PDB file of N, CA and C in Angstrom:
ATOM      1  N   MET A   1     -18.613 -17.611  56.119  1.00  0.00           N
ATOM      2  CA  MET A   1     -18.194 -17.574  55.049  1.00  0.00           C
ATOM      3  C   MET A   1     -18.829 -18.602  54.094  1.00  0.00           C
ATOM      4  N   PHE A   2     -19.483 -18.500  53.925  1.00  0.00           N
ATOM      5  CA  PHE A   2     -20.038 -19.928  52.405  1.00  0.00           C
ATOM      6  C   PHE A   2     -19.160 -20.554  52.117  1.00  0.00           C
ATOM      7  N   SER A   3     -18.637 -21.420  52.750  1.00  0.00           N
ATOM      8  CA  SER A   3     -17.562 -22.199  51.208  1.00  0.00           C
ATOM      9  C   SER A   3     -18.039 -23.334  50.294  1.00  0.00           C
ATOM     10  N   PRO A   4     -17.014 -23.762  50.185  1.00  0.00           N
ATOM     11  CA  PRO A   4     -17.479 -25.180  49.060  1.00  0.00           C
ATOM     12  C   PRO A   4     -18.198 -26.191  49.529  1.00  0.00           C
ATOM     13  N   LYS A   5     -17.948 -26.368  51.136  1.00  0.00           N
ATOM     14  CA  LYS A   5     -18.531 -27.165  51.861  1.00  0.00           C
ATOM     15  C   LYS A   5     -19.872 -27.369  51.189  1.00  0.00           C
ATOM     16  N   ASP A   6     -20.260 -26.024  52.586  1.00  0.00           N
ATOM     17  CA  ASP A   6     -21.702 -25.503  52.256  1.00  0.00           C
ATOM     18  C   ASP A   6     -22.172 -25.490  50.848  1.00  0.00           C
ATOM     19  N   ALA A   7     -21.916 -25.575  50.320  1.00  0.00           N
ATOM     20  CA  ALA A   7     -22.745 -24.647  48.844  1.00  0.00           C
ATOM     21  C   ALA A   7     -22.736 -26.957  48.869  1.00  0.00           C
ATOM     22  N   LEU A   8     -22.648 -27.846  49.017  1.00  0.00           N
ATOM     23  CA  LEU A   8     -22.479 -28.709  48.769  1.00  0.00           C
ATOM     24  C   LEU A   8     -23.571 -29.356  49.007  1.00  0.00           C
ATOM     25  N   LYS A   9     -23.895 -28.905  50.436  1.00  0.00           N
ATOM     26  CA  LYS A   9     -25.057 -28.980  51.240  1.00  0.00           C
ATOM     27  C   LYS A   9     -26.467 -28.786  51.307  1.00  0.00           C
ATOM     28  N   VAL A  10     -26.478 -27.660  49.852  1.00  0.00           N
ATOM     29  CA  VAL A  10     -27.388 -27.245  49.643  1.00  0.00           C
ATOM     30  C   VAL A  10     -28.112 -28.355  48.855  1.00  0.00           C
ATOM     31  N   ASP A  11     -29.612 -28.470  49.182  1.00  0.00           N
ATOM     32  CA  ASP A  11     -30.436 -29.221  48.697  1.00  0.00           C
ATOM     33  C   ASP A  11     -30.502 -29.337  47.988  1.00  0.00           C
ATOM     34  N   THR A  12     -30.772 -30.016  47.090  1.00  0.00           N
ATOM     35  CA  THR A  12     -30.352 -30.296  45.122  1.00  0.00           C
ATOM     36  C   THR A  12     -31.780 -29.651  44.463  1.00  0.00           C
ATOM     37  N   ARG A  13     -32.966 -29.471  44.685  1.00  0.00           N
ATOM     38  CA  ARG A  13     -34.296 -29.182  44.181  1.00  0.00           C
ATOM     39  C   ARG A  13     -33.766 -27.838  44.720  1.00  0.00           C
ATOM     40  N   ARG A  14     -33.843 -26.969  45.544  1.00  0.00           N
ATOM     41  CA  ARG A  14     -33.588 -25.824  46.053  1.00  0.00           C
ATOM     42  C   ARG A  14     -32.742 -25.520  44.247  1.00  0.00           C
ATOM     43  N   VAL A  15     -31.342 -25.610  44.428  1.00  0.00           N
ATOM     44  CA  VAL A  15     -30.666 -25.649  43.623  1.00  0.00           C
ATOM     45  C   VAL A  15     -31.201 -25.691  41.839  1.00  0.00           C
ATOM     46  N   SER A  16     -32.168 -26.181  41.603  1.00  0.00           N
ATOM     47  CA  SER A  16     -32.461 -26.876  40.527  1.00  0.00           C
ATOM     48  C   SER A  16     -33.559 -25.817  40.273  1.00  0.00           C
ATOM     49  N   SER A  17     -34.038 -25.440  41.537  1.00  0.00           N
ATOM     50  CA  SER A  17     -35.401 -24.393  40.919  1.00  0.00           C
ATOM     51  C   SER A  17     -34.868 -23.391  40.944  1.00  0.00           C
ATOM     52  N   VAL A  18     -34.214 -22.855  41.246  1.00  0.00           N
ATOM     53  CA  VAL A  18     -33.472 -21.778  40.300  1.00  0.00           C
ATOM     54  C   VAL A  18     -32.241 -21.786  39.537  1.00  0.00           C
ATOM     55  N   SER A  19     -32.406 -22.629  39.200  1.00  0.00           N
ATOM     56  CA  SER A  19     -31.415 -22.980  37.707  1.00  0.00           C
ATOM     57  C   SER A  19     -33.145 -23.650  36.796  1.00  0.00           C
ATOM     58  N   GLU A  20     -33.918 -24.317  36.370  1.00  0.00           N
ATOM     59  CA  GLU A  20     -35.397 -23.656  35.821  1.00  0.00           C
ATOM     60  C   GLU A  20     -36.353 -22.671  35.698  1.00  0.00           C
ATOM     61  N   VAL A  21     -35.756 -21.792  36.372  1.00  0.00           N
ATOM     62  CA  VAL A  21     -36.791 -20.051  36.328  1.00  0.00           C
ATOM     63  C   VAL A  21     -34.884 -19.874  35.684  1.00  0.00           C
ATOM     64  N   LEU A  22     -34.629 -19.897  35.570  1.00  0.00           N
ATOM     65  CA  LEU A  22     -33.303 -18.790  34.911  1.00  0.00           C
ATOM     66  C   LEU A  22     -33.129 -19.665  33.540  1.00  0.00           C
ATOM     67  N   ALA A  23     -33.320 -20.604  33.260  1.00  0.00           N
ATOM     68  CA  ALA A  23     -32.575 -21.486  31.965  1.00  0.00           C
ATOM     69  C   ALA A  23     -33.330 -20.787  31.040  1.00  0.00           C
ATOM     70  N   ASN A  24     -34.166 -19.560  30.809  1.00  0.00           N
ATOM     71  CA  ASN A  24     -34.467 -20.046  29.532  1.00  0.00           C
ATOM     72  C   ASN A  24     -34.187 -18.236  29.273  1.00  0.00           C
ATOM     73  N   GLU A  25     -33.909 -17.801  27.881  1.00  0.00           N
ATOM     74  CA  GLU A  25     -33.298 -16.810  27.696  1.00  0.00           C
ATOM     75  C   GLU A  25     -33.803 -15.183  27.345  1.00  0.00           C
ATOM     76  N   TYR A  26     -35.265 -15.483  26.902  1.00  0.00           N
ATOM     77  CA  TYR A  26     -35.851 -14.513  27.179  1.00  0.00           C
ATOM     78  C   TYR A  26     -36.376 -13.731  28.804  1.00  0.00           C
ATOM     79  N   ARG A  27     -36.637 -14.907  29.584  1.00  0.00           N
ATOM     80  CA  ARG A  27     -36.661 -14.797  31.050  1.00  0.00           C
ATOM     81  C   ARG A  27     -35.522 -13.757  32.029  1.00  0.00           C
ATOM     82  N   VAL A  28     -33.841 -14.109  31.087  1.00  0.00           N
ATOM     83  CA  VAL A  28     -33.118 -13.638  31.287  1.00  0.00           C
ATOM     84  C   VAL A  28     -33.003 -11.802  30.648  1.00  0.00           C
ATOM     85  N   LYS A  29     -33.451 -11.972  29.646  1.00  0.00           N
ATOM     86  CA  LYS A  29     -33.751 -10.406  29.049  1.00  0.00           C
ATOM     87  C   LYS A  29     -34.936 -10.273  30.047  1.00  0.00           C
ATOM     88  N   ILE A  30     -36.533 -10.347  30.462  1.00  0.00           N
ATOM     89  CA  ILE A  30     -37.002  -9.706  30.704  1.00  0.00           C
ATOM     90  C   ILE A  30     -36.170  -9.155  32.258  1.00  0.00           C
ATOM     91  N   LEU A  31     -35.847  -9.967  32.741  1.00  0.00           N
ATOM     92  CA  LEU A  31     -34.484  -9.386  34.403  1.00  0.00           C
ATOM     93  C   LEU A  31     -33.904  -7.945  33.934  1.00  0.00           C
ATOM     94  N   ARG A  32     -32.867  -8.098  32.631  1.00  0.00           N
ATOM     95  CA  ARG A  32     -31.682  -7.187  32.725  1.00  0.00           C
ATOM     96  C   ARG A  32     -33.007  -5.893  32.482  1.00  0.00           C
ATOM     97  N   ALA A  33     -33.604  -5.662  31.579  1.00  0.00           N
ATOM     98  CA  ALA A  33     -35.093  -5.154  31.684  1.00  0.00           C
ATOM     99  C   ALA A  33     -35.319  -3.886  32.223  1.00  0.00           C
ATOM    100  N   LEU A  34     -35.536  -4.765  33.751  1.00  0.00           N
ATOM    101  CA  LEU A  34     -36.574  -4.870  34.563  1.00  0.00           C
ATOM    102  C   LEU A  34     -35.187  -3.990  36.187  1.00  0.00           C
ATOM    103  N   TYR A  35     -34.034  -4.888  35.319  1.00  0.00           N
ATOM    104  CA  TYR A  35     -32.764  -4.206  36.147  1.00  0.00           C
ATOM    105  C   TYR A  35     -32.439  -2.650  36.030  1.00  0.00           C
ATOM    106  N   GLU A  36     -32.911  -1.936  34.773  1.00  0.00           N
ATOM    107  CA  GLU A  36     -32.566  -0.946  34.577  1.00  0.00           C
ATOM    108  C   GLU A  36     -33.914   0.106  34.942  1.00  0.00           C
ATOM    109  N   LYS A  37     -34.972  -0.726  34.900  1.00  0.00           N
ATOM    110  CA  LYS A  37     -36.311   0.018  35.562  1.00  0.00           C
ATOM    111  C   LYS A  37     -37.675  -0.785  35.301  1.00  0.00           C
ATOM    112  N   SER A  38     -38.278   0.157  36.303  1.00  0.00           N
ATOM    113  CA  SER A  38     -39.485  -0.809  36.188  1.00  0.00           C
ATOM    114  C   SER A  38     -40.565  -0.385  34.780  1.00  0.00           C
ATOM    115  N   ARG A  39     -40.589  -1.519  33.782  1.00  0.00           N
ATOM    116  CA  ARG A  39     -41.417  -1.441  32.679  1.00  0.00           C
ATOM    117  C   ARG A  39     -42.940  -2.314  32.722  1.00  0.00           C
ATOM    118  N   THR A  40     -43.775  -0.853  31.456  1.00  0.00           N
ATOM    119  CA  THR A  40     -44.800  -2.290  31.690  1.00  0.00           C
ATOM    120  C   THR A  40     -44.083  -3.060  30.751  1.00  0.00           C
ATOM    121  N   SER A  41     -45.644  -3.853  30.593  1.00  0.00           N
ATOM    122  CA  SER A  41     -45.772  -5.762  29.596  1.00  0.00           C
ATOM    123  C   SER A  41     -45.299  -5.169  28.113  1.00  0.00           C
ATOM    124  N   LYS A  42     -46.039  -3.769  27.706  1.00  0.00           N
ATOM    125  CA  LYS A  42     -45.993  -3.084  26.633  1.00  0.00           C
ATOM    126  C   LYS A  42     -44.156  -3.236  25.755  1.00  0.00           C
ATOM    127  N   GLU A  43     -43.705  -2.369  27.094  1.00  0.00           N
ATOM    128  CA  GLU A  43     -42.107  -2.122  26.986  1.00  0.00           C
ATOM    129  C   GLU A  43     -41.599  -3.509  26.471  1.00  0.00           C
ATOM    130  N   LEU A  44     -41.602  -4.531  27.930  1.00  0.00           N
ATOM    131  CA  LEU A  44     -41.299  -6.096  27.582  1.00  0.00           C
ATOM    132  C   LEU A  44     -41.546  -6.399  26.508  1.00  0.00           C
ATOM    133  N   SER A  45     -42.253  -6.103  25.699  1.00  0.00           N
ATOM    134  CA  SER A  45     -43.119  -7.036  24.609  1.00  0.00           C
ATOM    135  C   SER A  45     -41.823  -6.345  23.546  1.00  0.00           C
ATOM    136  N   ASP A  46     -41.898  -4.752  23.764  1.00  0.00           N
ATOM    137  CA  ASP A  46     -40.840  -4.554  22.420  1.00  0.00           C
ATOM    138  C   ASP A  46     -39.314  -4.972  23.000  1.00  0.00           C
ATOM    139  N   ILE A  47     -39.025  -4.868  24.019  1.00  0.00           N
ATOM    140  CA  ILE A  47     -37.759  -5.229  24.330  1.00  0.00           C
ATOM    141  C   ILE A  47     -37.069  -6.931  23.770  1.00  0.00           C
ATOM    142  N   THR A  48     -38.469  -8.244  24.457  1.00  0.00           N
ATOM    143  CA  THR A  48     -37.770  -9.390  23.977  1.00  0.00           C
ATOM    144  C   THR A  48     -38.119  -9.555  22.669  1.00  0.00           C
ATOM    145  N   GLY A  49     -39.624  -8.776  22.258  1.00  0.00           N
ATOM    146  CA  GLY A  49     -40.017  -9.338  20.891  1.00  0.00           C
ATOM    147  C   GLY A  49     -41.154 -10.499  20.941  1.00  0.00           C
ATOM    148  N   LEU A  50     -41.745 -10.331  22.519  1.00  0.00           N
ATOM    149  CA  LEU A  50     -42.401 -11.592  23.062  1.00  0.00           C
ATOM    150  C   LEU A  50     -44.150 -10.856  23.204  1.00  0.00           C
ATOM    151  N   GLU A  51     -45.213 -11.468  22.993  1.00  0.00           N
ATOM    152  CA  GLU A  51     -46.344 -10.591  22.123  1.00  0.00           C
ATOM    153  C   GLU A  51     -47.682 -11.643  23.380  1.00  0.00           C
ATOM    154  N   GLY A  52     -48.531 -10.934  24.076  1.00  0.00           N
ATOM    155  CA  GLY A  52     -49.356 -11.508  24.259  1.00  0.00           C
ATOM    156  C   GLY A  52     -48.739 -12.584  25.762  1.00  0.00           C
ATOM    157  N   GLY A  53     -49.950 -13.962  24.779  1.00  0.00           N
ATOM    158  CA  GLY A  53     -49.560 -15.544  25.907  1.00  0.00           C
ATOM    159  C   GLY A  53     -47.886 -15.715  26.150  1.00  0.00           C
ATOM    160  N   GLN A  54     -47.072 -15.934  24.972  1.00  0.00           N
ATOM    161  CA  GLN A  54     -45.437 -15.749  24.578  1.00  0.00           C
ATOM    162  C   GLN A  54     -44.671 -15.057  26.577  1.00  0.00           C
ATOM    163  N   LEU A  55     -44.872 -13.909  26.132  1.00  0.00           N
ATOM    164  CA  LEU A  55     -45.000 -12.838  26.881  1.00  0.00           C
ATOM    165  C   LEU A  55     -45.453 -13.007  28.388  1.00  0.00           C
ATOM    166  N   TYR A  56     -46.685 -13.200  29.080  1.00  0.00           N
ATOM    167  CA  TYR A  56     -47.428 -13.772  29.724  1.00  0.00           C
ATOM    168  C   TYR A  56     -46.873 -15.034  30.758  1.00  0.00           C
ATOM    169  N   HIS A  57     -46.687 -16.048  29.645  1.00  0.00           N
ATOM    170  CA  HIS A  57     -45.789 -17.114  30.173  1.00  0.00           C
ATOM    171  C   HIS A  57     -44.581 -16.650  31.468  1.00  0.00           C
ATOM    172  N   HIS A  58     -43.565 -15.933  30.886  1.00  0.00           N
ATOM    173  CA  HIS A  58     -42.359 -15.628  31.285  1.00  0.00           C
ATOM    174  C   HIS A  58     -42.493 -15.262  32.454  1.00  0.00           C
ATOM    175  N   LEU A  59     -43.144 -14.091  32.200  1.00  0.00           N
ATOM    176  CA  LEU A  59     -43.479 -13.181  33.759  1.00  0.00           C
ATOM    177  C   LEU A  59     -43.943 -13.929  34.867  1.00  0.00           C
ATOM    178  N   ARG A  60     -45.145 -14.796  34.395  1.00  0.00           N
ATOM    179  CA  ARG A  60     -46.079 -15.636  35.200  1.00  0.00           C
ATOM    180  C   ARG A  60     -45.118 -16.627  35.938  1.00  0.00           C
ATOM    181  N   ILE A  61     -43.836 -16.870  35.391  1.00  0.00           N
ATOM    182  CA  ILE A  61     -43.240 -17.778  35.875  1.00  0.00           C
ATOM    183  C   ILE A  61     -42.131 -17.141  36.725  1.00  0.00           C
ATOM    184  N   LEU A  62     -41.813 -16.064  36.708  1.00  0.00           N
ATOM    185  CA  LEU A  62     -40.754 -15.090  37.374  1.00  0.00           C
ATOM    186  C   LEU A  62     -41.567 -14.246  38.515  1.00  0.00           C
ATOM    187  N   THR A  63     -42.846 -14.494  38.419  1.00  0.00           N
ATOM    188  CA  THR A  63     -43.896 -13.422  39.423  1.00  0.00           C
ATOM    189  C   THR A  63     -44.027 -14.701  40.681  1.00  0.00           C
ATOM    190  N   GLN A  64     -44.185 -16.085  39.553  1.00  0.00           N
ATOM    191  CA  GLN A  64     -44.737 -16.578  40.637  1.00  0.00           C
ATOM    192  C   GLN A  64     -43.273 -17.117  42.108  1.00  0.00           C
ATOM    193  N   ASN A  65     -41.916 -16.767  41.092  1.00  0.00           N
ATOM    194  CA  ASN A  65     -40.965 -17.549  41.716  1.00  0.00           C
ATOM    195  C   ASN A  65     -40.368 -16.105  42.767  1.00  0.00           C
ATOM    196  N   ARG A  66     -41.286 -14.782  42.519  1.00  0.00           N
ATOM    197  CA  ARG A  66     -41.221 -14.081  43.012  1.00  0.00           C
ATOM    198  C   ARG A  66     -39.962 -12.846  42.915  1.00  0.00           C
ATOM    199  N   PHE A  67     -39.566 -13.504  41.748  1.00  0.00           N
ATOM    200  CA  PHE A  67     -38.359 -12.461  40.722  1.00  0.00           C
ATOM    201  C   PHE A  67     -38.583 -11.354  40.060  1.00  0.00           C
ATOM    202  N   VAL A  68     -39.773 -11.042  39.841  1.00  0.00           N
ATOM    203  CA  VAL A  68     -40.375 -10.199  39.878  1.00  0.00           C
ATOM    204  C   VAL A  68     -41.616 -10.013  40.152  1.00  0.00           C
ATOM    205  N   VAL A  69     -41.365  -8.589  40.468  1.00  0.00           N
ATOM    206  CA  VAL A  69     -43.622  -8.123  40.920  1.00  0.00           C
ATOM    207  C   VAL A  69     -44.064  -7.324  40.430  1.00  0.00           C
ATOM    208  N   MET A  70     -45.553  -7.265  40.034  1.00  0.00           N
ATOM    209  CA  MET A  70     -46.287  -6.129  39.560  1.00  0.00           C
ATOM    210  C   MET A  70     -46.768  -5.438  40.171  1.00  0.00           C
ATOM    211  N   GLY A  71     -46.701  -4.192  40.255  1.00  0.00           N
ATOM    212  CA  GLY A  71     -47.460  -2.845  40.716  1.00  0.00           C
ATOM    213  C   GLY A  71     -48.833  -3.162  40.358  1.00  0.00           C
ATOM    214  N   LYS A  72     -48.506  -1.645  41.096  1.00  0.00           N
ATOM    215  CA  LYS A  72     -49.951  -1.144  40.708  1.00  0.00           C
ATOM    216  C   LYS A  72     -50.944  -0.511  39.704  1.00  0.00           C
ATOM    217  N   ARG A  73     -49.734   0.224  38.717  1.00  0.00           N
ATOM    218  CA  ARG A  73     -50.031   0.948  38.072  1.00  0.00           C
ATOM    219  C   ARG A  73     -49.698   0.095  36.093  1.00  0.00           C
ATOM    220  N   GLY A  74     -49.765  -1.786  37.206  1.00  0.00           N
ATOM    221  CA  GLY A  74     -48.857  -2.518  35.856  1.00  0.00           C
ATOM    222  C   GLY A  74     -47.933  -2.664  35.001  1.00  0.00           C
ATOM    223  N   GLU A  75     -47.115  -1.380  35.699  1.00  0.00           N
ATOM    224  CA  GLU A  75     -45.690  -1.749  36.007  1.00  0.00           C
ATOM    225  C   GLU A  75     -44.721  -3.130  36.604  1.00  0.00           C
ATOM    226  N   TYR A  76     -43.690  -3.693  35.767  1.00  0.00           N
ATOM    227  CA  TYR A  76     -43.673  -5.077  36.412  1.00  0.00           C
ATOM    228  C   TYR A  76     -42.094  -4.561  37.042  1.00  0.00           C
ATOM    229  N   SER A  77     -41.639  -4.905  38.366  1.00  0.00           N
ATOM    230  CA  SER A  77     -40.276  -4.406  38.651  1.00  0.00           C
ATOM    231  C   SER A  77     -39.605  -5.988  39.452  1.00  0.00           C
ATOM    232  N   ILE A  78     -38.269  -5.351  38.517  1.00  0.00           N
ATOM    233  CA  ILE A  78     -37.881  -7.050  40.057  1.00  0.00           C
ATOM    234  C   ILE A  78     -37.232  -7.070  40.985  1.00  0.00           C
ATOM    235  N   THR A  79     -36.982  -7.698  41.555  1.00  0.00           N
ATOM    236  CA  THR A  79     -37.087  -7.931  43.471  1.00  0.00           C
ATOM    237  C   THR A  79     -35.742  -8.168  43.793  1.00  0.00           C
ATOM    238  N   VAL A  80     -35.279  -7.616  45.046  1.00  0.00           N
ATOM    239  CA  VAL A  80     -33.645  -7.932  45.014  1.00  0.00           C
ATOM    240  C   VAL A  80     -33.533  -9.385  44.862  1.00  0.00           C
ATOM    241  N   LYS A  81     -34.211 -10.292  45.375  1.00  0.00           N
ATOM    242  CA  LYS A  81     -34.172 -12.151  44.718  1.00  0.00           C
ATOM    243  C   LYS A  81     -33.631 -11.888  43.326  1.00  0.00           C
ATOM    244  N   GLY A  82     -34.728 -11.249  42.457  1.00  0.00           N
ATOM    245  CA  GLY A  82     -34.591 -11.201  40.785  1.00  0.00           C
ATOM    246  C   GLY A  82     -32.909 -10.670  40.425  1.00  0.00           C
ATOM    247  N   ALA A  83     -32.848  -9.154  41.003  1.00  0.00           N
ATOM    248  CA  ALA A  83     -31.480  -8.922  41.105  1.00  0.00           C
ATOM    249  C   ALA A  83     -30.184  -9.360  41.139  1.00  0.00           C
ATOM    250  N   VAL A  84     -30.313 -10.408  42.943  1.00  0.00           N
ATOM    251  CA  VAL A  84     -29.388 -11.025  42.697  1.00  0.00           C
ATOM    252  C   VAL A  84     -29.269 -12.723  42.307  1.00  0.00           C
ATOM    253  N   ALA A  85     -30.461 -12.775  41.635  1.00  0.00           N
ATOM    254  CA  ALA A  85     -30.385 -14.302  40.112  1.00  0.00           C
ATOM    255  C   ALA A  85     -29.253 -13.508  39.488  1.00  0.00           C
ATOM    256  N   LEU A  86     -29.844 -12.654  38.853  1.00  0.00           N
ATOM    257  CA  LEU A  86     -28.753 -12.290  37.718  1.00  0.00           C
ATOM    258  C   LEU A  86     -28.069 -11.889  37.768  1.00  0.00           C
ATOM    259  N   MET A  87     -27.506 -11.580  38.621  1.00  0.00           N
ATOM    260  CA  MET A  87     -26.048 -11.120  38.727  1.00  0.00           C
ATOM    261  C   MET A  87     -24.970 -12.346  39.206  1.00  0.00           C
ATOM    262  N   ILE A  88     -26.129 -13.126  40.056  1.00  0.00           N
ATOM    263  CA  ILE A  88     -24.980 -14.359  40.336  1.00  0.00           C
ATOM    264  C   ILE A  88     -25.193 -15.168  38.555  1.00  0.00           C
ATOM    265  N   LEU A  89     -26.443 -14.935  38.218  1.00  0.00           N
ATOM    266  CA  LEU A  89     -25.963 -16.101  36.773  1.00  0.00           C
ATOM    267  C   LEU A  89     -25.648 -15.061  35.652  1.00  0.00           C
ATOM    268  N   SER A  90     -24.896 -13.978  35.079  1.00  0.00           N
ATOM    269  CA  SER A  90     -24.311 -13.531  34.480  1.00  0.00           C
ATOM    270  C   SER A  90     -23.314 -14.228  35.277  1.00  0.00           C
ATOM    271  N   ALA A  91     -22.595 -13.718  36.210  1.00  0.00           N
ATOM    272  CA  ALA A  91     -21.131 -13.922  36.678  1.00  0.00           C
ATOM    273  C   ALA A  91     -20.914 -15.218  36.416  1.00  0.00           C
ATOM    274  N   LEU A  92     -21.419 -16.185  36.895  1.00  0.00           N
ATOM    275  CA  LEU A  92     -21.476 -17.566  36.303  1.00  0.00           C
ATOM    276  C   LEU A  92     -21.439 -18.265  35.020  1.00  0.00           C
ATOM    277  N   ALA A  93     -22.093 -17.238  33.923  1.00  0.00           N
ATOM    278  CA  ALA A  93     -22.071 -18.045  32.617  1.00  0.00           C
ATOM    279  C   ALA A  93     -20.719 -17.059  32.289  1.00  0.00           C
ATOM    280  N   GLU A  94     -20.462 -16.295  33.153  1.00  0.00           N
ATOM    281  CA  GLU A  94     -18.441 -15.243  32.582  1.00  0.00           C
ATOM    282  C   GLU A  94     -17.696 -16.334  32.488  1.00  0.00           C
ATOM    283  N   VAL A  95     -17.728 -16.991  34.011  1.00  0.00           N
ATOM    284  CA  VAL A  95     -16.690 -17.973  34.330  1.00  0.00           C
ATOM    285  C   VAL A  95     -16.900 -19.447  33.489  1.00  0.00           C
ATOM    286  N   LEU A  96     -18.078 -19.742  33.268  1.00  0.00           N
ATOM    287  CA  LEU A  96     -18.238 -20.995  32.735  1.00  0.00           C
ATOM    288  C   LEU A  96     -18.648 -21.609  31.356  1.00  0.00           C
ATOM    289  N   VAL A  97     -18.925 -20.039  30.468  1.00  0.00           N
ATOM    290  CA  VAL A  97     -19.363 -19.880  29.367  1.00  0.00           C
ATOM    291  C   VAL A  97     -18.309 -18.920  28.979  1.00  0.00           C
ATOM    292  N   PRO A  98     -16.889 -18.649  28.369  1.00  0.00           N
ATOM    293  CA  PRO A  98     -16.224 -17.443  28.524  1.00  0.00           C
ATOM    294  C   PRO A  98     -16.155 -17.168  26.926  1.00  0.00           C
ATOM    295  N   PRO A  99     -16.072 -15.779  26.530  1.00  0.00           N
ATOM    296  CA  PRO A  99     -16.097 -15.977  25.501  1.00  0.00           C
ATOM    297  C   PRO A  99     -14.374 -17.222  24.635  1.00  0.00           C
ATOM    298  N   PRO A 100     -14.212 -17.255  23.382  1.00  0.00           N
ATOM    299  CA  PRO A 100     -12.798 -18.404  23.212  1.00  0.00           C
ATOM    300  C   PRO A 100     -12.209 -17.905  23.273  1.00  0.00           C
ATOM    301  N   GLU A 101     -11.925 -16.346  23.377  1.00  0.00           N
ATOM    302  CA  GLU A 101     -10.660 -15.680  23.910  1.00  0.00           C
ATOM    303  C   GLU A 101     -10.310 -15.733  25.184  1.00  0.00           C
ATOM    304  N   LYS A 102     -10.948 -16.349  26.445  1.00  0.00           N
ATOM    305  CA  LYS A 102     -10.630 -16.608  27.390  1.00  0.00           C
ATOM    306  C   LYS A 102     -11.405 -17.608  28.209  1.00  0.00           C
ATOM    307  N   GLU A 103     -10.670 -19.140  27.166  1.00  0.00           N
ATOM    308  CA  GLU A 103     -10.977 -20.191  27.591  1.00  0.00           C
ATOM    309  C   GLU A 103     -10.151 -20.875  28.989  1.00  0.00           C
ATOM    310  N   LEU A 104     -10.762 -21.365  29.927  1.00  0.00           N
ATOM    311  CA  LEU A 104     -10.677 -21.351  30.957  1.00  0.00           C
ATOM    312  C   LEU A 104     -11.148 -23.183  31.458  1.00  0.00           C
ATOM    313  N   GLU A 105     -11.124 -24.011  30.741  1.00  0.00           N
ATOM    314  CA  GLU A 105     -10.699 -25.362  30.765  1.00  0.00           C
ATOM    315  C   GLU A 105     -10.040 -26.338  31.270  1.00  0.00           C
ATOM    316  N   LYS A 106      -8.728 -25.706  32.011  1.00  0.00           N
ATOM    317  CA  LYS A 106      -7.559 -26.195  33.083  1.00  0.00           C
ATOM    318  C   LYS A 106      -8.104 -27.652  33.521  1.00  0.00           C
ATOM    319  N   PRO A 107      -7.527 -27.944  33.941  1.00  0.00           N
ATOM    320  CA  PRO A 107      -7.617 -28.761  35.522  1.00  0.00           C
ATOM    321  C   PRO A 107      -7.423 -27.734  36.434  1.00  0.00           C
ATOM    322  N   LEU A 108      -8.444 -27.911  37.461  1.00  0.00           N
ATOM    323  CA  LEU A 108      -7.900 -26.960  38.139  1.00  0.00           C
ATOM    324  C   LEU A 108      -7.035 -27.205  38.986  1.00  0.00           C
ATOM    325  N   ASP A 109      -6.401 -28.404  39.364  1.00  0.00           N
ATOM    326  CA  ASP A 109      -5.257 -28.218  39.793  1.00  0.00           C
ATOM    327  C   ASP A 109      -3.672 -28.147  38.836  1.00  0.00           C
ATOM    328  N   LYS A 110      -4.080 -27.667  37.673  1.00  0.00           N
ATOM    329  CA  LYS A 110      -3.226 -27.364  36.857  1.00  0.00           C
ATOM    330  C   LYS A 110      -3.523 -25.650  36.774  1.00  0.00           C
ATOM    331  N   VAL A 111      -4.177 -24.826  37.375  1.00  0.00           N
ATOM    332  CA  VAL A 111      -5.119 -23.640  37.933  1.00  0.00           C
ATOM    333  C   VAL A 111      -3.648 -23.276  38.832  1.00  0.00           C
TER     334      VAL A 111
END
């Protein structure tokens, strides 16, 4: 099992590289859309509101980091790595950035 001690041993550059890729609302929107099904750049443009170079900039970052792949028909698909990252990021956001009615800001020793 992966313990807190194990987590603290992970190279900080590796941790930072994942957070940099996912630290953009549009990339998260793209991953969510692709989690549902493979999509063309036109479909992703309609979903995100991004066009041309803006969309391809984010797709390039996601493909370079292997969160997304482009198929033969020009459709983009999320990879297992991308899906896992999306699920973990979403769970992390739910815990660390809860809606106001779910605040979890108590000190750890008070829980």
